[in-house]
Amino acid sequence: MLNDWIRFLEINYTRIIELTFQHAQLVGLAIIVALIIGVPLGIYLTTNEHLAGTILQLASVFLTIPSIALFGVMMPLFSLINQGIGFLPAFVALVLYSQLPILRNTYTAIKNVSPEMRDAAIGMGMKTHQRLLRVEIPNAMPLIMAGVRTAVVLNIGIGAIAAYIGAGGLGVLITQGIGRGDTYLIISGSLAIALLAIIADVILLLVQKKFTNKAVAIANE
């Protein structure tokens, strides 16, 4: 069986690589947009406790919706603009799934910045935006990056379901394998998704460590 699978990989490796890049592109773009939305919103929520509770609960609701159901909801919505299947509905669904870990970690990280550090920054005459950019965000960055890592790994897994609405990616191998009863397709798709998640997490962990070191350096200035 192992030899047969190796032979299958030799024949289909170019397609697997192509679908891997397609999968990474979908998840990567969704994470970038989620960061653009989630980080500023998470920072703002630290100034509005009432709104923070509402927004975080809403983000939690999106994360509890089964992925196949959310993708299914997106299809009729985007059909109104003739984009019911394909990249766009899957992309929007993944952006929504990314919000909770990014929002919550950003909110928690900024809230937990040491009051003494804030007071020291104020004592140095820093304005609000200077304090945010030079003190609060650098010290909050490790926890924010941890949220990003969670969102990326989560979306790599959920992104497999996007194949059911024509968005491509590694889920294509799994759906085709299920439809054809082809074990090699299912195994190859599953392992490729797992490997992509591990690689992405390791890369982001290195970035997180780098930002952590910078945060420590800034804090000690």
N, C-alpha and C. Protein backbone atom coordinates (compact mmCIF):
# COMPACT_ATOMS: atom_id res chain seq x y z
N MET A 1 0.83 -1.21 0.00
CA MET A 1 0.00 0.00 0.00
C MET A 1 0.86 1.26 0.00
N LEU A 2 1.95 1.22 0.79
CA LEU A 2 2.84 2.38 0.87
C LEU A 2 3.47 2.67 -0.49
N ASN A 3 3.89 1.62 -1.18
CA ASN A 3 4.49 1.79 -2.50
C ASN A 3 3.49 2.39 -3.49
N ASP A 4 2.24 1.94 -3.39
CA ASP A 4 1.20 2.47 -4.27
C ASP A 4 0.96 3.95 -4.01
N TRP A 5 1.00 4.33 -2.73
CA TRP A 5 0.78 5.73 -2.38
C TRP A 5 1.95 6.60 -2.86
N ILE A 6 3.17 6.09 -2.70
CA ILE A 6 4.35 6.81 -3.19
C ILE A 6 4.27 7.01 -4.70
N ARG A 7 3.82 5.98 -5.39
CA ARG A 7 3.65 6.09 -6.84
C ARG A 7 2.57 7.12 -7.19
N PHE A 8 1.50 7.14 -6.39
CA PHE A 8 0.43 8.12 -6.57
C PHE A 8 0.99 9.54 -6.40
N LEU A 9 1.85 9.75 -5.38
CA LEU A 9 2.44 11.07 -5.14
C LEU A 9 3.35 11.47 -6.29
N GLU A 10 4.09 10.53 -6.82
CA GLU A 10 4.99 10.82 -7.95
C GLU A 10 4.21 11.31 -9.16
N ILE A 11 3.04 10.74 -9.36
CA ILE A 11 2.22 11.11 -10.51
C ILE A 11 1.50 12.44 -10.29
N ASN A 12 1.08 12.69 -9.04
CA ASN A 12 0.19 13.83 -8.76
C ASN A 12 0.84 14.97 -7.96
N TYR A 13 2.16 14.92 -7.77
CA TYR A 13 2.78 15.92 -6.89
C TYR A 13 2.62 17.35 -7.41
N THR A 14 2.63 17.55 -8.72
CA THR A 14 2.49 18.92 -9.25
C THR A 14 1.10 19.48 -8.92
N ARG A 15 0.08 18.63 -9.02
CA ARG A 15 -1.28 19.07 -8.68
C ARG A 15 -1.39 19.36 -7.20
N ILE A 16 -0.78 18.54 -6.37
CA ILE A 16 -0.83 18.76 -4.92
C ILE A 16 -0.14 20.07 -4.56
N ILE A 17 1.00 20.35 -5.18
CA ILE A 17 1.71 21.61 -4.94
C ILE A 17 0.88 22.80 -5.39
N GLU A 18 0.23 22.68 -6.53
CA GLU A 18 -0.61 23.76 -7.05
C GLU A 18 -1.77 24.05 -6.09
N LEU A 19 -2.42 22.99 -5.61
CA LEU A 19 -3.54 23.15 -4.67
C LEU A 19 -3.06 23.69 -3.33
N THR A 20 -1.83 23.34 -2.93
CA THR A 20 -1.27 23.86 -1.68
C THR A 20 -1.08 25.36 -1.76
N PHE A 21 -0.53 25.84 -2.87
CA PHE A 21 -0.36 27.28 -3.05
C PHE A 21 -1.72 27.99 -3.10
N GLN A 22 -2.69 27.35 -3.73
CA GLN A 22 -4.04 27.91 -3.81
C GLN A 22 -4.64 28.02 -2.40
N HIS A 23 -4.45 26.99 -1.62
CA HIS A 23 -4.94 26.95 -0.23
C HIS A 23 -4.27 28.04 0.60
N ALA A 24 -2.94 28.14 0.47
CA ALA A 24 -2.18 29.13 1.23
C ALA A 24 -2.58 30.55 0.84
N GLN A 25 -2.85 30.77 -0.44
CA GLN A 25 -3.27 32.10 -0.89
C GLN A 25 -4.61 32.50 -0.29
N LEU A 26 -5.57 31.58 -0.29
CA LEU A 26 -6.89 31.85 0.27
C LEU A 26 -6.78 32.19 1.76
N VAL A 27 -6.06 31.35 2.50
CA VAL A 27 -5.92 31.57 3.94
C VAL A 27 -5.10 32.83 4.22
N GLY A 28 -4.02 33.02 3.48
CA GLY A 28 -3.15 34.17 3.70
C GLY A 28 -3.87 35.49 3.49
N LEU A 29 -4.61 35.61 2.40
CA LEU A 29 -5.35 36.85 2.14
C LEU A 29 -6.42 37.09 3.19
N ALA A 30 -7.09 36.01 3.62
CA ALA A 30 -8.11 36.15 4.66
C ALA A 30 -7.50 36.64 5.97
N ILE A 31 -6.32 36.13 6.31
CA ILE A 31 -5.66 36.53 7.55
C ILE A 31 -5.21 37.99 7.48
N ILE A 32 -4.69 38.41 6.33
CA ILE A 32 -4.25 39.80 6.17
C ILE A 32 -5.42 40.76 6.39
N VAL A 33 -6.56 40.47 5.76
CA VAL A 33 -7.73 41.32 5.92
C VAL A 33 -8.25 41.25 7.36
N ALA A 34 -8.22 40.06 7.96
CA ALA A 34 -8.66 39.91 9.35
C ALA A 34 -7.78 40.74 10.30
N LEU A 35 -6.48 40.80 10.01
CA LEU A 35 -5.58 41.62 10.81
C LEU A 35 -5.89 43.11 10.66
N ILE A 36 -6.13 43.52 9.41
CA ILE A 36 -6.44 44.93 9.15
C ILE A 36 -7.70 45.36 9.89
N ILE A 37 -8.66 44.43 10.01
CA ILE A 37 -9.90 44.73 10.72
C ILE A 37 -9.73 44.52 12.23
N GLY A 38 -9.19 43.35 12.60
CA GLY A 38 -9.22 42.91 13.99
C GLY A 38 -8.29 43.65 14.94
N VAL A 39 -7.06 43.96 14.49
CA VAL A 39 -6.11 44.61 15.40
C VAL A 39 -6.55 46.03 15.77
N PRO A 40 -6.87 46.90 14.80
CA PRO A 40 -7.35 48.24 15.18
C PRO A 40 -8.64 48.19 16.00
N LEU A 41 -9.55 47.28 15.63
CA LEU A 41 -10.80 47.17 16.38
C LEU A 41 -10.55 46.69 17.80
N GLY A 42 -9.64 45.72 17.95
CA GLY A 42 -9.30 45.23 19.28
C GLY A 42 -8.70 46.32 20.15
N ILE A 43 -7.86 47.15 19.55
CA ILE A 43 -7.27 48.28 20.29
C ILE A 43 -8.35 49.27 20.70
N TYR A 44 -9.25 49.58 19.76
CA TYR A 44 -10.33 50.54 20.07
C TYR A 44 -11.24 50.02 21.19
N LEU A 45 -11.49 48.70 21.20
CA LEU A 45 -12.40 48.14 22.19
C LEU A 45 -11.88 48.30 23.62
N THR A 46 -10.58 48.50 23.78
CA THR A 46 -10.04 48.71 25.13
C THR A 46 -10.50 50.04 25.70
N THR A 47 -11.03 50.90 24.85
CA THR A 47 -11.52 52.21 25.32
C THR A 47 -13.04 52.22 25.48
N ASN A 48 -13.69 51.11 25.12
CA ASN A 48 -15.15 51.05 25.19
C ASN A 48 -15.57 49.67 25.68
N GLU A 49 -15.68 49.51 26.99
CA GLU A 49 -15.94 48.21 27.58
C GLU A 49 -17.30 47.64 27.18
N HIS A 50 -18.31 48.49 27.09
CA HIS A 50 -19.65 48.01 26.72
C HIS A 50 -19.65 47.42 25.31
N LEU A 51 -19.06 48.15 24.37
CA LEU A 51 -18.99 47.67 23.00
C LEU A 51 -18.09 46.45 22.89
N ALA A 52 -17.05 46.39 23.72
CA ALA A 52 -16.12 45.25 23.69
C ALA A 52 -16.86 43.94 23.95
N GLY A 53 -17.71 43.93 24.97
CA GLY A 53 -18.46 42.72 25.29
C GLY A 53 -19.34 42.27 24.14
N THR A 54 -20.01 43.22 23.50
CA THR A 54 -20.90 42.90 22.38
C THR A 54 -20.13 42.35 21.19
N ILE A 55 -19.05 43.03 20.81
CA ILE A 55 -18.27 42.63 19.63
C ILE A 55 -17.61 41.27 19.85
N LEU A 56 -17.06 41.04 21.03
CA LEU A 56 -16.39 39.77 21.31
C LEU A 56 -17.40 38.62 21.33
N GLN A 57 -18.60 38.88 21.83
CA GLN A 57 -19.63 37.85 21.81
C GLN A 57 -20.06 37.54 20.38
N LEU A 58 -20.17 38.58 19.56
CA LEU A 58 -20.54 38.38 18.16
C LEU A 58 -19.48 37.56 17.43
N ALA A 59 -18.20 37.89 17.69
CA ALA A 59 -17.11 37.12 17.08
C ALA A 59 -17.14 35.67 17.55
N SER A 60 -17.51 35.45 18.80
CA SER A 60 -17.61 34.09 19.33
C SER A 60 -18.71 33.31 18.62
N VAL A 61 -19.81 34.00 18.32
CA VAL A 61 -20.93 33.35 17.61
C VAL A 61 -20.48 32.85 16.25
N PHE A 62 -19.74 33.68 15.52
CA PHE A 62 -19.26 33.27 14.20
C PHE A 62 -18.39 32.02 14.29
N LEU A 63 -17.58 31.95 15.34
CA LEU A 63 -16.67 30.81 15.47
C LEU A 63 -17.41 29.52 15.82
N THR A 64 -18.59 29.65 16.44
CA THR A 64 -19.35 28.45 16.82
C THR A 64 -20.21 27.92 15.68
N ILE A 65 -20.41 28.71 14.63
CA ILE A 65 -21.20 28.23 13.49
C ILE A 65 -20.40 27.17 12.73
N PRO A 66 -20.99 26.01 12.49
CA PRO A 66 -20.26 24.98 11.71
C PRO A 66 -19.80 25.55 10.37
N SER A 67 -18.59 25.21 9.98
CA SER A 67 -18.01 25.82 8.78
C SER A 67 -18.85 25.56 7.54
N ILE A 68 -19.36 24.35 7.38
CA ILE A 68 -20.15 24.03 6.20
C ILE A 68 -21.42 24.87 6.16
N ALA A 69 -21.97 25.18 7.36
CA ALA A 69 -23.18 25.99 7.43
C ALA A 69 -22.88 27.44 7.05
N LEU A 70 -21.74 27.98 7.53
CA LEU A 70 -21.39 29.36 7.21
C LEU A 70 -21.09 29.51 5.73
N PHE A 71 -20.38 28.54 5.17
CA PHE A 71 -20.13 28.58 3.72
C PHE A 71 -21.45 28.52 2.96
N GLY A 72 -22.39 27.71 3.49
CA GLY A 72 -23.69 27.60 2.85
C GLY A 72 -24.48 28.89 2.89
N VAL A 73 -24.35 29.63 4.01
CA VAL A 73 -25.03 30.92 4.13
C VAL A 73 -24.44 31.94 3.16
N MET A 74 -23.13 31.88 2.98
CA MET A 74 -22.46 32.84 2.10
C MET A 74 -22.89 32.70 0.64
N MET A 75 -23.21 31.49 0.23
CA MET A 75 -23.53 31.25 -1.17
C MET A 75 -24.74 32.05 -1.67
N PRO A 76 -25.90 31.99 -0.99
CA PRO A 76 -27.03 32.80 -1.47
C PRO A 76 -26.80 34.29 -1.34
N LEU A 77 -26.04 34.70 -0.31
CA LEU A 77 -25.76 36.13 -0.13
C LEU A 77 -24.96 36.67 -1.31
N PHE A 78 -23.89 35.96 -1.66
CA PHE A 78 -23.03 36.44 -2.75
C PHE A 78 -23.58 36.10 -4.13
N SER A 79 -24.62 35.26 -4.16
CA SER A 79 -25.30 35.02 -5.44
C SER A 79 -25.97 36.29 -5.95
N LEU A 80 -26.28 37.20 -5.01
CA LEU A 80 -26.91 38.47 -5.39
C LEU A 80 -26.00 39.30 -6.29
N ILE A 81 -24.69 39.06 -6.20
CA ILE A 81 -23.74 39.77 -7.07
C ILE A 81 -23.02 38.78 -8.00
N ASN A 82 -23.68 37.65 -8.22
CA ASN A 82 -23.15 36.61 -9.12
C ASN A 82 -21.81 36.04 -8.68
N GLN A 83 -21.60 35.97 -7.35
CA GLN A 83 -20.36 35.41 -6.79
C GLN A 83 -20.69 34.34 -5.76
N GLY A 84 -21.75 33.57 -6.03
CA GLY A 84 -22.24 32.61 -5.05
C GLY A 84 -21.30 31.45 -4.77
N ILE A 85 -20.46 31.10 -5.71
CA ILE A 85 -19.48 30.04 -5.48
C ILE A 85 -18.09 30.56 -5.84
N GLY A 86 -17.08 29.90 -5.30
CA GLY A 86 -15.72 30.30 -5.64
C GLY A 86 -15.01 31.00 -4.49
N PHE A 87 -14.07 31.83 -4.85
CA PHE A 87 -13.14 32.43 -3.90
C PHE A 87 -13.82 33.36 -2.90
N LEU A 88 -14.67 34.26 -3.37
CA LEU A 88 -15.18 35.35 -2.53
C LEU A 88 -15.95 34.89 -1.30
N PRO A 89 -16.97 34.01 -1.44
CA PRO A 89 -17.69 33.59 -0.23
C PRO A 89 -16.81 32.84 0.76
N ALA A 90 -15.87 32.04 0.25
CA ALA A 90 -14.95 31.33 1.13
C ALA A 90 -14.03 32.31 1.85
N PHE A 91 -13.54 33.30 1.13
CA PHE A 91 -12.66 34.32 1.69
C PHE A 91 -13.35 35.08 2.82
N VAL A 92 -14.58 35.51 2.60
CA VAL A 92 -15.32 36.26 3.63
C VAL A 92 -15.57 35.39 4.86
N ALA A 93 -15.92 34.12 4.63
CA ALA A 93 -16.16 33.21 5.76
C ALA A 93 -14.90 33.04 6.60
N LEU A 94 -13.75 32.90 5.95
CA LEU A 94 -12.50 32.73 6.69
C LEU A 94 -12.11 34.00 7.44
N VAL A 95 -12.40 35.16 6.87
CA VAL A 95 -12.15 36.42 7.58
C VAL A 95 -12.98 36.45 8.87
N LEU A 96 -14.24 36.04 8.78
CA LEU A 96 -15.11 36.03 9.96
C LEU A 96 -14.60 35.03 11.01
N TYR A 97 -14.16 33.86 10.55
CA TYR A 97 -13.64 32.86 11.48
C TYR A 97 -12.36 33.34 12.17
N SER A 98 -11.61 34.22 11.52
CA SER A 98 -10.34 34.70 12.08
C SER A 98 -10.51 35.76 13.16
N GLN A 99 -11.68 36.38 13.21
CA GLN A 99 -11.83 37.56 14.05
C GLN A 99 -11.68 37.30 15.54
N LEU A 100 -12.27 36.20 16.04
CA LEU A 100 -12.25 36.00 17.50
C LEU A 100 -10.84 35.89 18.07
N PRO A 101 -9.97 35.00 17.58
CA PRO A 101 -8.63 34.93 18.19
C PRO A 101 -7.83 36.22 18.04
N ILE A 102 -7.97 36.90 16.90
CA ILE A 102 -7.22 38.15 16.70
C ILE A 102 -7.78 39.26 17.56
N LEU A 103 -9.10 39.42 17.55
CA LEU A 103 -9.74 40.47 18.35
C LEU A 103 -9.49 40.26 19.84
N ARG A 104 -9.76 39.05 20.30
CA ARG A 104 -9.66 38.77 21.74
C ARG A 104 -8.23 38.93 22.24
N ASN A 105 -7.27 38.40 21.47
CA ASN A 105 -5.89 38.51 21.92
C ASN A 105 -5.39 39.95 21.88
N THR A 106 -5.79 40.71 20.86
CA THR A 106 -5.40 42.12 20.80
C THR A 106 -5.99 42.90 21.97
N TYR A 107 -7.27 42.70 22.20
CA TYR A 107 -7.96 43.38 23.30
C TYR A 107 -7.32 43.03 24.64
N THR A 108 -7.10 41.73 24.87
CA THR A 108 -6.52 41.29 26.15
C THR A 108 -5.10 41.79 26.30
N ALA A 109 -4.32 41.74 25.23
CA ALA A 109 -2.92 42.16 25.29
C ALA A 109 -2.78 43.64 25.63
N ILE A 110 -3.57 44.48 24.97
CA ILE A 110 -3.49 45.92 25.24
C ILE A 110 -3.99 46.23 26.64
N LYS A 111 -5.05 45.55 27.07
CA LYS A 111 -5.59 45.77 28.42
C LYS A 111 -4.59 45.39 29.50
N ASN A 112 -3.76 44.39 29.20
CA ASN A 112 -2.84 43.87 30.22
C ASN A 112 -1.46 44.51 30.22
N VAL A 113 -1.28 45.53 29.39
CA VAL A 113 -0.02 46.27 29.45
C VAL A 113 0.11 46.91 30.83
N SER A 114 1.27 46.80 31.41
CA SER A 114 1.50 47.28 32.77
C SER A 114 1.10 48.75 32.95
N PRO A 115 0.25 49.05 33.94
CA PRO A 115 -0.12 50.44 34.22
C PRO A 115 1.09 51.31 34.53
N GLU A 116 2.10 50.71 35.17
CA GLU A 116 3.31 51.47 35.49
C GLU A 116 4.02 51.91 34.20
N MET A 117 3.99 51.03 33.20
CA MET A 117 4.62 51.36 31.92
C MET A 117 3.87 52.50 31.24
N ARG A 118 2.53 52.44 31.32
CA ARG A 118 1.72 53.52 30.75
C ARG A 118 2.01 54.84 31.49
N ASP A 119 2.07 54.76 32.80
CA ASP A 119 2.33 55.97 33.59
C ASP A 119 3.69 56.56 33.26
N ALA A 120 4.67 55.68 33.06
CA ALA A 120 6.02 56.15 32.72
C ALA A 120 6.00 56.85 31.37
N ALA A 121 5.25 56.28 30.42
CA ALA A 121 5.15 56.90 29.08
C ALA A 121 4.46 58.25 29.15
N ILE A 122 3.42 58.33 29.97
CA ILE A 122 2.72 59.61 30.15
C ILE A 122 3.65 60.62 30.81
N GLY A 123 4.42 60.14 31.80
CA GLY A 123 5.36 61.01 32.49
C GLY A 123 6.45 61.55 31.57
N MET A 124 6.75 60.79 30.51
CA MET A 124 7.75 61.23 29.53
C MET A 124 7.15 62.19 28.51
N GLY A 125 5.85 62.45 28.64
CA GLY A 125 5.20 63.41 27.75
C GLY A 125 4.70 62.81 26.45
N MET A 126 4.59 61.49 26.39
CA MET A 126 4.10 60.86 25.16
C MET A 126 2.61 61.12 24.98
N LYS A 127 2.22 61.39 23.73
CA LYS A 127 0.80 61.51 23.41
C LYS A 127 0.21 60.11 23.26
N THR A 128 -1.13 60.06 23.13
CA THR A 128 -1.81 58.77 23.08
C THR A 128 -1.29 57.87 21.97
N HIS A 129 -1.16 58.41 20.76
CA HIS A 129 -0.71 57.58 19.64
C HIS A 129 0.76 57.16 19.81
N GLN A 130 1.57 58.03 20.42
CA GLN A 130 2.97 57.67 20.67
C GLN A 130 3.06 56.55 21.70
N ARG A 131 2.24 56.66 22.72
CA ARG A 131 2.22 55.63 23.76
C ARG A 131 1.76 54.29 23.18
N LEU A 132 0.78 54.35 22.30
CA LEU A 132 0.26 53.15 21.67
C LEU A 132 1.31 52.47 20.79
N LEU A 133 1.98 53.28 19.95
CA LEU A 133 2.93 52.73 18.98
C LEU A 133 4.25 52.33 19.61
N ARG A 134 4.70 53.07 20.62
CA ARG A 134 6.04 52.85 21.17
C ARG A 134 6.06 52.00 22.44
N VAL A 135 4.91 51.89 23.11
CA VAL A 135 4.88 51.17 24.39
C VAL A 135 3.88 50.01 24.37
N GLU A 136 2.62 50.34 24.10
CA GLU A 136 1.57 49.34 24.27
C GLU A 136 1.62 48.23 23.21
N ILE A 137 1.67 48.59 21.93
CA ILE A 137 1.68 47.57 20.88
C ILE A 137 2.94 46.70 20.94
N PRO A 138 4.15 47.28 21.11
CA PRO A 138 5.33 46.40 21.19
C PRO A 138 5.25 45.39 22.33
N ASN A 139 4.70 45.81 23.47
CA ASN A 139 4.60 44.88 24.60
C ASN A 139 3.44 43.90 24.44
N ALA A 140 2.44 44.30 23.66
CA ALA A 140 1.30 43.41 23.42
C ALA A 140 1.54 42.46 22.24
N MET A 141 2.56 42.72 21.46
CA MET A 141 2.78 41.99 20.21
C MET A 141 2.87 40.47 20.38
N PRO A 142 3.57 39.94 21.40
CA PRO A 142 3.63 38.47 21.53
C PRO A 142 2.26 37.82 21.65
N LEU A 143 1.37 38.42 22.44
CA LEU A 143 0.03 37.86 22.61
C LEU A 143 -0.80 38.05 21.34
N ILE A 144 -0.63 39.17 20.68
CA ILE A 144 -1.33 39.39 19.41
C ILE A 144 -0.89 38.34 18.38
N MET A 145 0.41 38.11 18.31
CA MET A 145 0.93 37.11 17.38
C MET A 145 0.43 35.71 17.72
N ALA A 146 0.25 35.43 18.99
CA ALA A 146 -0.31 34.13 19.39
C ALA A 146 -1.73 33.97 18.84
N GLY A 147 -2.49 35.06 18.85
CA GLY A 147 -3.83 35.03 18.27
C GLY A 147 -3.79 34.82 16.76
N VAL A 148 -2.82 35.43 16.12
CA VAL A 148 -2.66 35.26 14.67
C VAL A 148 -2.32 33.81 14.35
N ARG A 149 -1.44 33.23 15.12
CA ARG A 149 -1.08 31.82 14.91
C ARG A 149 -2.30 30.91 15.04
N THR A 150 -3.11 31.17 16.06
CA THR A 150 -4.32 30.38 16.24
C THR A 150 -5.25 30.52 15.05
N ALA A 151 -5.43 31.76 14.58
CA ALA A 151 -6.32 32.02 13.45
C ALA A 151 -5.82 31.34 12.18
N VAL A 152 -4.52 31.38 11.95
CA VAL A 152 -3.95 30.78 10.74
C VAL A 152 -4.14 29.27 10.73
N VAL A 153 -3.79 28.61 11.82
CA VAL A 153 -3.92 27.15 11.89
C VAL A 153 -5.39 26.76 11.78
N LEU A 154 -6.26 27.51 12.45
CA LEU A 154 -7.70 27.25 12.38
C LEU A 154 -8.20 27.36 10.94
N ASN A 155 -7.79 28.41 10.26
CA ASN A 155 -8.28 28.64 8.90
C ASN A 155 -7.72 27.67 7.88
N ILE A 156 -6.51 27.19 8.12
CA ILE A 156 -5.96 26.18 7.20
C ILE A 156 -6.83 24.93 7.23
N GLY A 157 -7.28 24.57 8.43
CA GLY A 157 -8.17 23.41 8.54
C GLY A 157 -9.55 23.68 7.96
N ILE A 158 -10.13 24.82 8.33
CA ILE A 158 -11.48 25.16 7.86
C ILE A 158 -11.48 25.39 6.35
N GLY A 159 -10.36 25.90 5.83
CA GLY A 159 -10.27 26.18 4.40
C GLY A 159 -10.48 24.96 3.53
N ALA A 160 -10.30 23.77 4.10
CA ALA A 160 -10.54 22.55 3.33
C ALA A 160 -12.01 22.45 2.91
N ILE A 161 -12.90 22.97 3.75
CA ILE A 161 -14.34 22.91 3.45
C ILE A 161 -14.69 23.81 2.27
N ALA A 162 -13.83 24.81 2.02
CA ALA A 162 -14.10 25.76 0.93
C ALA A 162 -14.17 25.07 -0.43
N ALA A 163 -13.58 23.88 -0.53
CA ALA A 163 -13.64 23.15 -1.80
C ALA A 163 -15.07 22.80 -2.18
N TYR A 164 -15.94 22.67 -1.19
CA TYR A 164 -17.34 22.32 -1.46
C TYR A 164 -18.09 23.45 -2.15
N ILE A 165 -17.58 24.68 -2.07
CA ILE A 165 -18.25 25.78 -2.76
C ILE A 165 -17.37 26.33 -3.90
N GLY A 166 -16.48 25.48 -4.37
CA GLY A 166 -15.71 25.81 -5.57
C GLY A 166 -14.56 26.77 -5.37
N ALA A 167 -14.05 26.87 -4.12
CA ALA A 167 -12.95 27.80 -3.85
C ALA A 167 -11.58 27.16 -4.03
N GLY A 168 -11.54 25.89 -4.34
CA GLY A 168 -10.26 25.22 -4.59
C GLY A 168 -9.52 24.91 -3.31
N GLY A 169 -8.20 24.76 -3.42
CA GLY A 169 -7.38 24.44 -2.28
C GLY A 169 -7.27 22.94 -2.06
N LEU A 170 -6.61 22.57 -0.99
CA LEU A 170 -6.34 21.16 -0.72
C LEU A 170 -7.59 20.36 -0.40
N GLY A 171 -8.65 21.05 -0.04
CA GLY A 171 -9.91 20.34 0.21
C GLY A 171 -10.42 19.64 -1.03
N VAL A 172 -9.99 20.07 -2.21
CA VAL A 172 -10.39 19.43 -3.46
C VAL A 172 -9.97 17.95 -3.45
N LEU A 173 -8.76 17.69 -2.96
CA LEU A 173 -8.29 16.30 -2.90
C LEU A 173 -9.18 15.46 -2.00
N ILE A 174 -9.57 16.03 -0.87
CA ILE A 174 -10.39 15.29 0.09
C ILE A 174 -11.79 15.05 -0.46
N THR A 175 -12.41 16.09 -1.02
CA THR A 175 -13.77 15.94 -1.55
C THR A 175 -13.80 14.96 -2.71
N GLN A 176 -12.80 15.05 -3.59
CA GLN A 176 -12.75 14.11 -4.71
C GLN A 176 -12.48 12.69 -4.21
N GLY A 177 -11.63 12.58 -3.20
CA GLY A 177 -11.34 11.26 -2.63
C GLY A 177 -12.57 10.62 -2.02
N ILE A 178 -13.38 11.44 -1.31
CA ILE A 178 -14.61 10.92 -0.72
C ILE A 178 -15.59 10.50 -1.82
N GLY A 179 -15.70 11.36 -2.85
CA GLY A 179 -16.63 11.07 -3.93
C GLY A 179 -16.25 9.82 -4.72
N ARG A 180 -14.96 9.59 -4.87
CA ARG A 180 -14.49 8.45 -5.68
C ARG A 180 -14.15 7.22 -4.84
N GLY A 181 -14.16 7.40 -3.51
CA GLY A 181 -13.72 6.31 -2.65
C GLY A 181 -12.24 6.05 -2.78
N ASP A 182 -11.47 7.12 -3.05
CA ASP A 182 -10.03 7.01 -3.28
C ASP A 182 -9.27 7.40 -2.01
N THR A 183 -8.74 6.39 -1.33
CA THR A 183 -8.04 6.62 -0.06
C THR A 183 -6.79 7.48 -0.24
N TYR A 184 -6.09 7.30 -1.36
CA TYR A 184 -4.85 8.03 -1.58
C TYR A 184 -5.11 9.54 -1.69
N LEU A 185 -6.19 9.91 -2.34
CA LEU A 185 -6.55 11.33 -2.44
C LEU A 185 -6.84 11.91 -1.06
N ILE A 186 -7.60 11.18 -0.27
CA ILE A 186 -7.98 11.67 1.07
C ILE A 186 -6.75 11.81 1.95
N ILE A 187 -5.89 10.79 1.96
CA ILE A 187 -4.68 10.81 2.79
C ILE A 187 -3.75 11.94 2.34
N SER A 188 -3.57 12.08 1.04
CA SER A 188 -2.66 13.11 0.52
C SER A 188 -3.15 14.50 0.87
N GLY A 189 -4.46 14.74 0.70
CA GLY A 189 -5.02 16.05 1.05
C GLY A 189 -4.92 16.34 2.53
N SER A 190 -5.22 15.36 3.35
CA SER A 190 -5.18 15.55 4.81
C SER A 190 -3.77 15.82 5.30
N LEU A 191 -2.80 15.04 4.81
CA LEU A 191 -1.41 15.23 5.22
C LEU A 191 -0.86 16.58 4.72
N ALA A 192 -1.25 16.97 3.52
CA ALA A 192 -0.79 18.26 2.99
C ALA A 192 -1.33 19.42 3.83
N ILE A 193 -2.58 19.33 4.26
CA ILE A 193 -3.17 20.36 5.11
C ILE A 193 -2.45 20.41 6.46
N ALA A 194 -2.21 19.24 7.04
CA ALA A 194 -1.51 19.18 8.33
C ALA A 194 -0.10 19.75 8.22
N LEU A 195 0.61 19.39 7.14
CA LEU A 195 1.97 19.88 6.94
C LEU A 195 1.98 21.39 6.73
N LEU A 196 1.02 21.89 5.96
CA LEU A 196 0.92 23.35 5.74
C LEU A 196 0.67 24.08 7.05
N ALA A 197 -0.19 23.52 7.90
CA ALA A 197 -0.49 24.13 9.20
C ALA A 197 0.75 24.16 10.10
N ILE A 198 1.50 23.06 10.08
CA ILE A 198 2.72 22.99 10.92
C ILE A 198 3.75 24.00 10.44
N ILE A 199 3.97 24.07 9.13
CA ILE A 199 4.95 25.02 8.58
C ILE A 199 4.55 26.46 8.89
N ALA A 200 3.26 26.78 8.69
CA ALA A 200 2.79 28.14 8.97
C ALA A 200 2.96 28.49 10.45
N ASP A 201 2.65 27.53 11.33
CA ASP A 201 2.76 27.79 12.76
C ASP A 201 4.20 28.00 13.18
N VAL A 202 5.11 27.21 12.62
CA VAL A 202 6.54 27.35 12.96
C VAL A 202 7.06 28.71 12.49
N ILE A 203 6.70 29.11 11.26
CA ILE A 203 7.14 30.41 10.74
C ILE A 203 6.61 31.55 11.62
N LEU A 204 5.33 31.47 11.98
CA LEU A 204 4.74 32.53 12.81
C LEU A 204 5.30 32.51 14.23
N LEU A 205 5.68 31.33 14.72
CA LEU A 205 6.32 31.26 16.04
C LEU A 205 7.66 31.98 16.02
N LEU A 206 8.43 31.83 14.94
CA LEU A 206 9.70 32.53 14.81
C LEU A 206 9.48 34.05 14.76
N VAL A 207 8.44 34.46 14.01
CA VAL A 207 8.10 35.89 13.96
C VAL A 207 7.70 36.39 15.34
N GLN A 208 6.91 35.58 16.05
CA GLN A 208 6.47 35.96 17.40
C GLN A 208 7.67 36.13 18.33
N LYS A 209 8.63 35.23 18.26
CA LYS A 209 9.82 35.33 19.11
C LYS A 209 10.62 36.59 18.78
N LYS A 210 10.68 36.90 17.48
CA LYS A 210 11.40 38.10 17.06
C LYS A 210 10.75 39.35 17.62
N PHE A 211 9.42 39.41 17.54
CA PHE A 211 8.70 40.57 18.08
C PHE A 211 8.80 40.62 19.60
N THR A 212 8.85 39.45 20.24
CA THR A 212 8.98 39.41 21.69
C THR A 212 10.31 40.02 22.12
N ASN A 213 11.36 39.67 21.40
CA ASN A 213 12.68 40.24 21.71
C ASN A 213 12.68 41.75 21.52
N LYS A 214 12.02 42.24 20.45
CA LYS A 214 11.96 43.67 20.22
C LYS A 214 11.17 44.35 21.32
N ALA A 215 10.08 43.69 21.76
CA ALA A 215 9.26 44.28 22.81
C ALA A 215 10.05 44.43 24.10
N VAL A 216 10.84 43.39 24.42
CA VAL A 216 11.68 43.45 25.64
C VAL A 216 12.70 44.59 25.52
N ALA A 217 13.30 44.72 24.34
CA ALA A 217 14.29 45.78 24.12
C ALA A 217 13.67 47.16 24.27
N ILE A 218 12.47 47.35 23.69
CA ILE A 218 11.79 48.64 23.79
C ILE A 218 11.41 48.93 25.23
N ALA A 219 10.94 47.90 25.93
CA ALA A 219 10.52 48.08 27.32
C ALA A 219 11.68 48.49 28.22
N ASN A 220 12.90 48.05 27.85
CA ASN A 220 14.06 48.36 28.67
C ASN A 220 14.75 49.66 28.30
N GLU A 221 14.24 50.34 27.25
CA GLU A 221 14.88 51.61 26.86
C GLU A 221 14.62 52.69 27.92
